[in-house]
Amino acid sequence: MLLLGPPVLLFALITWQVVVDGPLVGLDERLSRALVHPDRASELLADLGNVQVALPVLVIALAYAAWHGRAGGLHRWWLPPVAGAGAMVLVPALVAPLKEWTDRPGTPAVPPAVGYYPSGHTATAVVAYGAATLLLLPLLRSPAVRRLLVAACAGLVAGASYGLVRRGYHWPLDVAASWCLGAVLLIGLSLLVGRDSRPVSRSSRRRSAGTPSRRTGPS
């Protein structure tokens, strides 16, 4: 639970600065001006945060984790997939009211509008790819494959984040805040994924099927 502290505090700090137009906002705007350079590559990278791209990746991971857990006789096999789906559902539930409350305008690279903080595309990428990784990691035996999966997740999130800033769709602080928000959701998911991963024992299966075990005898 202590892991939740840093991202929560950092998110609170960034949000406070955005709301009061603090010094970090001025630094953020200067950094954005130095980084923004709209091109086709940045637009394609930003698309990695689209729901149409990220959500199917998570759905595949949810389905595989559910199938593998059920086939392997895991205790409450349904919990990790349900928790992963729940984390994704929480993204718009949290981001939408924050956008309306902070009412932050966009960069000069986009049409005049408000509601850019935090970045929904970044939060979608962090939670979708991160949750898929957390669900699949326990199912992989090879350390090399596990490292490759984590690297792929980090690469997708970094690519989407860079594309959003480079294209000018979001200020850097919009993206950083969504990293924090996504980290909180993924930490919560990891706590649930780590539980109830025990295989169901044979005696438990017999009892659940109504078959008496050798110890207890007929009921």
C-alpha atoms as a PDB file:
ATOM      1  CA  MET A   1       0.000   0.000   0.000  1.00  0.00           C
ATOM      2  CA  LEU A   2       2.952   2.328   0.553  1.00  0.00           C
ATOM      3  CA  LEU A   3       3.554   2.252  -3.197  1.00  0.00           C
ATOM      4  CA  LEU A   4       0.381   4.266  -3.703  1.00  0.00           C
ATOM      5  CA  GLY A   5       1.794   7.256  -1.830  1.00  0.00           C
ATOM      6  CA  PRO A   6       4.249   8.704  -4.405  1.00  0.00           C
ATOM      7  CA  PRO A   7       1.923   8.666  -7.456  1.00  0.00           C
ATOM      8  CA  VAL A   8      -0.993  10.024  -5.424  1.00  0.00           C
ATOM      9  CA  LEU A   9       1.097  12.870  -4.001  1.00  0.00           C
ATOM     10  CA  LEU A  10       2.652  13.695  -7.368  1.00  0.00           C
ATOM     11  CA  PHE A  11      -0.758  13.694  -9.037  1.00  0.00           C
ATOM     12  CA  ALA A  12      -2.095  16.011  -6.328  1.00  0.00           C
ATOM     13  CA  LEU A  13       0.870  18.367  -6.795  1.00  0.00           C
ATOM     14  CA  ILE A  14       0.478  18.537 -10.574  1.00  0.00           C
ATOM     15  CA  THR A  15      -3.278  19.031 -10.337  1.00  0.00           C
ATOM     16  CA  TRP A  16      -2.846  21.827  -7.804  1.00  0.00           C
ATOM     17  CA  GLN A  17      -0.360  23.576 -10.072  1.00  0.00           C
ATOM     18  CA  VAL A  18      -2.692  23.285 -13.067  1.00  0.00           C
ATOM     19  CA  VAL A  19      -5.692  24.607 -11.121  1.00  0.00           C
ATOM     20  CA  VAL A  20      -3.846  27.610  -9.630  1.00  0.00           C
ATOM     21  CA  ASP A  21      -1.722  28.235 -12.758  1.00  0.00           C
ATOM     22  CA  GLY A  22       1.433  27.756 -10.701  1.00  0.00           C
ATOM     23  CA  PRO A  23       5.115  27.887 -11.691  1.00  0.00           C
ATOM     24  CA  LEU A  24       5.049  24.322 -13.005  1.00  0.00           C
ATOM     25  CA  VAL A  25       2.513  25.370 -15.623  1.00  0.00           C
ATOM     26  CA  GLY A  26       4.854  28.016 -17.004  1.00  0.00           C
ATOM     27  CA  LEU A  27       7.668  25.478 -17.194  1.00  0.00           C
ATOM     28  CA  ASP A  28       5.271  23.008 -18.793  1.00  0.00           C
ATOM     29  CA  GLU A  29       4.317  25.469 -21.513  1.00  0.00           C
ATOM     30  CA  ARG A  30       7.938  26.302 -22.302  1.00  0.00           C
ATOM     31  CA  LEU A  31       8.779  22.601 -22.509  1.00  0.00           C
ATOM     32  CA  SER A  32       5.834  22.014 -24.813  1.00  0.00           C
ATOM     33  CA  ARG A  33       6.955  24.774 -27.184  1.00  0.00           C
ATOM     34  CA  ALA A  34      10.378  23.136 -27.389  1.00  0.00           C
ATOM     35  CA  LEU A  35       8.971  19.664 -28.050  1.00  0.00           C
ATOM     36  CA  VAL A  36       5.965  20.226 -30.308  1.00  0.00           C
ATOM     37  CA  HIS A  37       6.617  19.325 -33.922  1.00  0.00           C
ATOM     38  CA  PRO A  38       3.508  17.822 -35.542  1.00  0.00           C
ATOM     39  CA  ASP A  39       4.304  15.159 -38.092  1.00  0.00           C
ATOM     40  CA  ARG A  40       2.958  11.826 -39.280  1.00  0.00           C
ATOM     41  CA  ALA A  41       5.177   9.790 -36.944  1.00  0.00           C
ATOM     42  CA  SER A  42       4.009  11.619 -33.818  1.00  0.00           C
ATOM     43  CA  GLU A  43       0.387  11.220 -34.893  1.00  0.00           C
ATOM     44  CA  LEU A  44       0.814   7.467 -35.342  1.00  0.00           C
ATOM     45  CA  LEU A  45       2.481   7.176 -31.944  1.00  0.00           C
ATOM     46  CA  ALA A  46      -0.314   9.176 -30.320  1.00  0.00           C
ATOM     47  CA  ASP A  47      -2.801   6.710 -31.816  1.00  0.00           C
ATOM     48  CA  LEU A  48      -1.365   4.017 -29.510  1.00  0.00           C
ATOM     49  CA  GLY A  49      -3.473   5.648 -26.805  1.00  0.00           C
ATOM     50  CA  ASN A  50      -6.698   5.340 -28.776  1.00  0.00           C
ATOM     51  CA  VAL A  51      -9.317   3.055 -27.271  1.00  0.00           C
ATOM     52  CA  GLN A  52      -9.639   1.310 -30.655  1.00  0.00           C
ATOM     53  CA  VAL A  53      -5.962   0.314 -30.471  1.00  0.00           C
ATOM     54  CA  ALA A  54      -5.307  -0.263 -26.765  1.00  0.00           C
ATOM     55  CA  LEU A  55      -8.570  -1.885 -25.695  1.00  0.00           C
ATOM     56  CA  PRO A  56      -8.332  -4.955 -27.986  1.00  0.00           C
ATOM     57  CA  VAL A  57      -4.893  -5.688 -26.515  1.00  0.00           C
ATOM     58  CA  LEU A  58      -6.370  -5.695 -23.026  1.00  0.00           C
ATOM     59  CA  VAL A  59      -9.392  -7.769 -24.077  1.00  0.00           C
ATOM     60  CA  ILE A  60      -7.125 -10.469 -25.506  1.00  0.00           C
ATOM     61  CA  ALA A  61      -5.100 -10.529 -22.277  1.00  0.00           C
ATOM     62  CA  LEU A  62      -8.291 -10.686 -20.181  1.00  0.00           C
ATOM     63  CA  ALA A  63      -9.640 -13.596 -22.211  1.00  0.00           C
ATOM     64  CA  TYR A  64      -6.364 -15.520 -22.099  1.00  0.00           C
ATOM     65  CA  ALA A  65      -5.915 -14.969 -18.366  1.00  0.00           C
ATOM     66  CA  ALA A  66      -9.477 -16.154 -17.708  1.00  0.00           C
ATOM     67  CA  TRP A  67      -9.057 -19.234 -19.894  1.00  0.00           C
ATOM     68  CA  HIS A  68      -5.660 -20.111 -18.428  1.00  0.00           C
ATOM     69  CA  GLY A  69      -6.828 -19.612 -14.850  1.00  0.00           C
ATOM     70  CA  ARG A  70      -9.953 -21.700 -15.264  1.00  0.00           C
ATOM     71  CA  ALA A  71      -8.107 -24.461 -17.101  1.00  0.00           C
ATOM     72  CA  GLY A  72      -5.402 -24.460 -14.423  1.00  0.00           C
ATOM     73  CA  GLY A  73      -7.915 -24.728 -11.596  1.00  0.00           C
ATOM     74  CA  LEU A  74      -6.867 -21.477  -9.938  1.00  0.00           C
ATOM     75  CA  HIS A  75      -8.721 -20.284  -6.872  1.00  0.00           C
ATOM     76  CA  ARG A  76     -11.111 -17.521  -7.989  1.00  0.00           C
ATOM     77  CA  TRP A  77      -9.674 -17.560 -11.488  1.00  0.00           C
ATOM     78  CA  TRP A  78     -12.108 -14.855 -12.543  1.00  0.00           C
ATOM     79  CA  LEU A  79     -10.778 -12.208 -10.149  1.00  0.00           C
ATOM     80  CA  PRO A  80      -7.709 -10.965 -12.102  1.00  0.00           C
ATOM     81  CA  PRO A  81      -9.616 -10.566 -15.411  1.00  0.00           C
ATOM     82  CA  VAL A  82     -12.509  -8.819 -13.687  1.00  0.00           C
ATOM     83  CA  ALA A  83     -10.099  -6.549 -11.809  1.00  0.00           C
ATOM     84  CA  GLY A  84      -8.271  -5.743 -15.062  1.00  0.00           C
ATOM     85  CA  ALA A  85     -11.528  -4.832 -16.761  1.00  0.00           C
ATOM     86  CA  GLY A  86     -12.533  -2.773 -13.733  1.00  0.00           C
ATOM     87  CA  ALA A  87      -9.289  -0.791 -13.867  1.00  0.00           C
ATOM     88  CA  MET A  88     -10.010   0.083 -17.493  1.00  0.00           C
ATOM     89  CA  VAL A  89     -13.572   1.133 -16.684  1.00  0.00           C
ATOM     90  CA  LEU A  90     -12.246   3.467 -13.989  1.00  0.00           C
ATOM     91  CA  VAL A  91     -10.169   5.419 -16.519  1.00  0.00           C
ATOM     92  CA  PRO A  92     -13.033   7.408 -18.091  1.00  0.00           C
ATOM     93  CA  ALA A  93     -14.861   7.494 -14.754  1.00  0.00           C
ATOM     94  CA  LEU A  94     -11.909   9.363 -13.211  1.00  0.00           C
ATOM     95  CA  VAL A  95     -10.586  11.317 -16.196  1.00  0.00           C
ATOM     96  CA  ALA A  96     -13.871  12.838 -17.398  1.00  0.00           C
ATOM     97  CA  PRO A  97     -14.745  14.733 -14.181  1.00  0.00           C
ATOM     98  CA  LEU A  98     -11.128  15.837 -13.775  1.00  0.00           C
ATOM     99  CA  LYS A  99     -11.171  17.300 -17.275  1.00  0.00           C
ATOM    100  CA  GLU A 100     -14.352  19.197 -16.541  1.00  0.00           C
ATOM    101  CA  TRP A 101     -13.096  20.459 -13.179  1.00  0.00           C
ATOM    102  CA  THR A 102      -9.630  21.620 -14.252  1.00  0.00           C
ATOM    103  CA  ASP A 103     -10.907  23.055 -17.563  1.00  0.00           C
ATOM    104  CA  ARG A 104      -7.386  23.338 -18.934  1.00  0.00           C
ATOM    105  CA  PRO A 105      -6.988  24.730 -22.473  1.00  0.00           C
ATOM    106  CA  GLY A 106      -5.062  22.843 -25.107  1.00  0.00           C
ATOM    107  CA  THR A 107      -1.752  23.668 -26.745  1.00  0.00           C
ATOM    108  CA  PRO A 108      -1.501  26.114 -29.669  1.00  0.00           C
ATOM    109  CA  ALA A 109      -1.180  23.082 -31.978  1.00  0.00           C
ATOM    110  CA  VAL A 110      -4.841  22.098 -31.496  1.00  0.00           C
ATOM    111  CA  PRO A 111      -8.095  24.018 -32.049  1.00  0.00           C
ATOM    112  CA  PRO A 112      -9.138  26.230 -29.092  1.00  0.00           C
ATOM    113  CA  ALA A 113     -10.872  24.090 -26.489  1.00  0.00           C
ATOM    114  CA  VAL A 114     -10.669  23.122 -22.833  1.00  0.00           C
ATOM    115  CA  GLY A 115     -10.637  19.887 -20.873  1.00  0.00           C
ATOM    116  CA  TYR A 116      -7.182  18.614 -21.744  1.00  0.00           C
ATOM    117  CA  TYR A 117      -6.077  17.692 -18.210  1.00  0.00           C
ATOM    118  CA  PRO A 118      -5.349  14.883 -17.571  1.00  0.00           C
ATOM    119  CA  SER A 119      -4.662  13.043 -20.815  1.00  0.00           C
ATOM    120  CA  GLY A 120      -7.269  10.376 -21.433  1.00  0.00           C
ATOM    121  CA  HIS A 121      -5.202   8.797 -24.196  1.00  0.00           C
ATOM    122  CA  THR A 122      -2.202   8.457 -21.893  1.00  0.00           C
ATOM    123  CA  ALA A 123      -4.292   6.974 -19.094  1.00  0.00           C
ATOM    124  CA  THR A 124      -5.840   4.534 -21.570  1.00  0.00           C
ATOM    125  CA  ALA A 125      -2.402   3.425 -22.777  1.00  0.00           C
ATOM    126  CA  VAL A 126      -0.974   3.068 -19.268  1.00  0.00           C
ATOM    127  CA  VAL A 127      -3.886   1.041 -17.915  1.00  0.00           C
ATOM    128  CA  ALA A 128      -4.647  -1.050 -21.000  1.00  0.00           C
ATOM    129  CA  TYR A 129      -1.070  -2.106 -21.752  1.00  0.00           C
ATOM    130  CA  GLY A 130      -0.076  -2.178 -18.090  1.00  0.00           C
ATOM    131  CA  ALA A 131      -3.035  -4.311 -17.028  1.00  0.00           C
ATOM    132  CA  ALA A 132      -2.432  -6.701 -19.926  1.00  0.00           C
ATOM    133  CA  THR A 133       1.179  -7.058 -18.798  1.00  0.00           C
ATOM    134  CA  LEU A 134       0.248  -7.658 -15.146  1.00  0.00           C
ATOM    135  CA  LEU A 135      -2.248 -10.352 -16.153  1.00  0.00           C
ATOM    136  CA  LEU A 136       0.143 -12.155 -18.482  1.00  0.00           C
ATOM    137  CA  LEU A 137       3.350 -11.994 -16.437  1.00  0.00           C
ATOM    138  CA  PRO A 138       2.341 -14.744 -13.949  1.00  0.00           C
ATOM    139  CA  LEU A 139       1.562 -17.049 -16.871  1.00  0.00           C
ATOM    140  CA  LEU A 140       5.002 -16.802 -18.474  1.00  0.00           C
ATOM    141  CA  ARG A 141       7.830 -19.064 -17.335  1.00  0.00           C
ATOM    142  CA  SER A 142      10.707 -17.686 -19.371  1.00  0.00           C
ATOM    143  CA  PRO A 143      12.472 -14.718 -17.722  1.00  0.00           C
ATOM    144  CA  ALA A 144      13.495 -13.472 -21.165  1.00  0.00           C
ATOM    145  CA  VAL A 145       9.894 -13.454 -22.394  1.00  0.00           C
ATOM    146  CA  ARG A 146       8.780 -11.704 -19.222  1.00  0.00           C
ATOM    147  CA  ARG A 147      11.399  -9.001 -19.703  1.00  0.00           C
ATOM    148  CA  LEU A 148      10.362  -8.651 -23.337  1.00  0.00           C
ATOM    149  CA  LEU A 149       6.726  -8.209 -22.320  1.00  0.00           C
ATOM    150  CA  VAL A 150       7.577  -5.514 -19.772  1.00  0.00           C
ATOM    151  CA  ALA A 151       9.794  -3.751 -22.319  1.00  0.00           C
ATOM    152  CA  ALA A 152       7.017  -3.867 -24.923  1.00  0.00           C
ATOM    153  CA  CYS A 153       4.560  -2.385 -22.423  1.00  0.00           C
ATOM    154  CA  ALA A 154       6.973   0.399 -21.494  1.00  0.00           C
ATOM    155  CA  GLY A 155       7.677   1.071 -25.159  1.00  0.00           C
ATOM    156  CA  LEU A 156       3.992   1.355 -26.060  1.00  0.00           C
ATOM    157  CA  VAL A 157       3.256   3.719 -23.175  1.00  0.00           C
ATOM    158  CA  ALA A 158       6.356   5.810 -23.857  1.00  0.00           C
ATOM    159  CA  GLY A 159       5.549   5.937 -27.575  1.00  0.00           C
ATOM    160  CA  ALA A 160       1.977   7.073 -26.976  1.00  0.00           C
ATOM    161  CA  SER A 161       3.097   9.660 -24.421  1.00  0.00           C
ATOM    162  CA  TYR A 162       5.799  11.067 -26.666  1.00  0.00           C
ATOM    163  CA  GLY A 163       3.453  11.169 -29.650  1.00  0.00           C
ATOM    164  CA  LEU A 164       0.792  13.081 -27.724  1.00  0.00           C
ATOM    165  CA  VAL A 165       3.281  15.742 -26.618  1.00  0.00           C
ATOM    166  CA  ARG A 166       5.201  15.890 -29.905  1.00  0.00           C
ATOM    167  CA  ARG A 167       2.003  16.230 -31.933  1.00  0.00           C
ATOM    168  CA  GLY A 168       0.751  18.908 -29.530  1.00  0.00           C
ATOM    169  CA  TYR A 169      -2.356  17.026 -28.483  1.00  0.00           C
ATOM    170  CA  HIS A 170      -1.385  17.447 -24.822  1.00  0.00           C
ATOM    171  CA  TRP A 171       0.883  19.435 -22.544  1.00  0.00           C
ATOM    172  CA  PRO A 172       3.627  17.376 -20.847  1.00  0.00           C
ATOM    173  CA  LEU A 173       1.943  17.782 -17.447  1.00  0.00           C
ATOM    174  CA  ASP A 174      -1.283  16.305 -18.845  1.00  0.00           C
ATOM    175  CA  VAL A 175       0.687  13.190 -19.727  1.00  0.00           C
ATOM    176  CA  ALA A 176       2.650  13.061 -16.459  1.00  0.00           C
ATOM    177  CA  ALA A 177      -0.559  13.310 -14.426  1.00  0.00           C
ATOM    178  CA  SER A 178      -2.033  10.379 -16.328  1.00  0.00           C
ATOM    179  CA  TRP A 179       1.084   8.340 -15.607  1.00  0.00           C
ATOM    180  CA  CYS A 180       0.391   8.902 -11.911  1.00  0.00           C
ATOM    181  CA  LEU A 181      -3.300   8.093 -12.265  1.00  0.00           C
ATOM    182  CA  GLY A 182      -2.541   4.951 -14.234  1.00  0.00           C
ATOM    183  CA  ALA A 183       0.111   3.898 -11.712  1.00  0.00           C
ATOM    184  CA  VAL A 184      -2.444   4.070  -8.903  1.00  0.00           C
ATOM    185  CA  LEU A 185      -4.865   1.854 -10.826  1.00  0.00           C
ATOM    186  CA  LEU A 186      -2.146  -0.631 -11.776  1.00  0.00           C
ATOM    187  CA  ILE A 187      -0.837  -0.871  -8.217  1.00  0.00           C
ATOM    188  CA  GLY A 188      -4.357  -1.657  -7.053  1.00  0.00           C
ATOM    189  CA  LEU A 189      -4.668  -4.256  -9.796  1.00  0.00           C
ATOM    190  CA  SER A 190      -1.325  -5.844  -8.895  1.00  0.00           C
ATOM    191  CA  LEU A 191      -2.493  -6.279  -5.306  1.00  0.00           C
ATOM    192  CA  LEU A 192      -5.546  -8.192  -6.533  1.00  0.00           C
ATOM    193  CA  VAL A 193      -3.664 -10.218  -9.144  1.00  0.00           C
ATOM    194  CA  GLY A 194      -1.235 -11.407  -6.468  1.00  0.00           C
ATOM    195  CA  ARG A 195      -4.058 -12.866  -4.415  1.00  0.00           C
ATOM    196  CA  ASP A 196      -6.127 -15.981  -4.941  1.00  0.00           C
ATOM    197  CA  SER A 197      -3.683 -17.445  -7.452  1.00  0.00           C
ATOM    198  CA  ARG A 198      -3.475 -20.775  -5.656  1.00  0.00           C
ATOM    199  CA  PRO A 199      -4.491 -23.916  -7.542  1.00  0.00           C
ATOM    200  CA  VAL A 200      -7.610 -25.507  -6.158  1.00  0.00           C
ATOM    201  CA  SER A 201      -6.617 -28.671  -4.282  1.00  0.00           C
ATOM    202  CA  ARG A 202      -8.039 -32.046  -5.226  1.00  0.00           C
ATOM    203  CA  SER A 203      -9.830 -32.320  -1.906  1.00  0.00           C
ATOM    204  CA  SER A 204     -11.448 -28.934  -2.513  1.00  0.00           C
ATOM    205  CA  ARG A 205     -12.557 -30.031  -5.941  1.00  0.00           C
ATOM    206  CA  ARG A 206     -14.070 -33.209  -4.531  1.00  0.00           C
ATOM    207  CA  ARG A 207     -15.929 -31.274  -1.866  1.00  0.00           C
ATOM    208  CA  SER A 208     -17.194 -28.727  -4.350  1.00  0.00           C
ATOM    209  CA  ALA A 209     -18.376 -31.569  -6.579  1.00  0.00           C
ATOM    210  CA  GLY A 210     -20.121 -33.304  -3.690  1.00  0.00           C
ATOM    211  CA  THR A 211     -17.616 -36.169  -3.522  1.00  0.00           C
ATOM    212  CA  PRO A 212     -16.443 -37.056   0.011  1.00  0.00           C
ATOM    213  CA  SER A 213     -12.728 -36.893   0.732  1.00  0.00           C
ATOM    214  CA  ARG A 214     -10.862 -39.711   2.463  1.00  0.00           C
ATOM    215  CA  ARG A 215     -10.497 -37.660   5.636  1.00  0.00           C
ATOM    216  CA  THR A 216     -14.030 -36.600   6.218  1.00  0.00           C
ATOM    217  CA  GLY A 217     -15.915 -39.630   4.962  1.00  0.00           C
ATOM    218  CA  PRO A 218     -19.495 -39.446   3.756  1.00  0.00           C
ATOM    219  CA  SER A 219     -21.490 -36.411   4.772  1.00  0.00           C
END
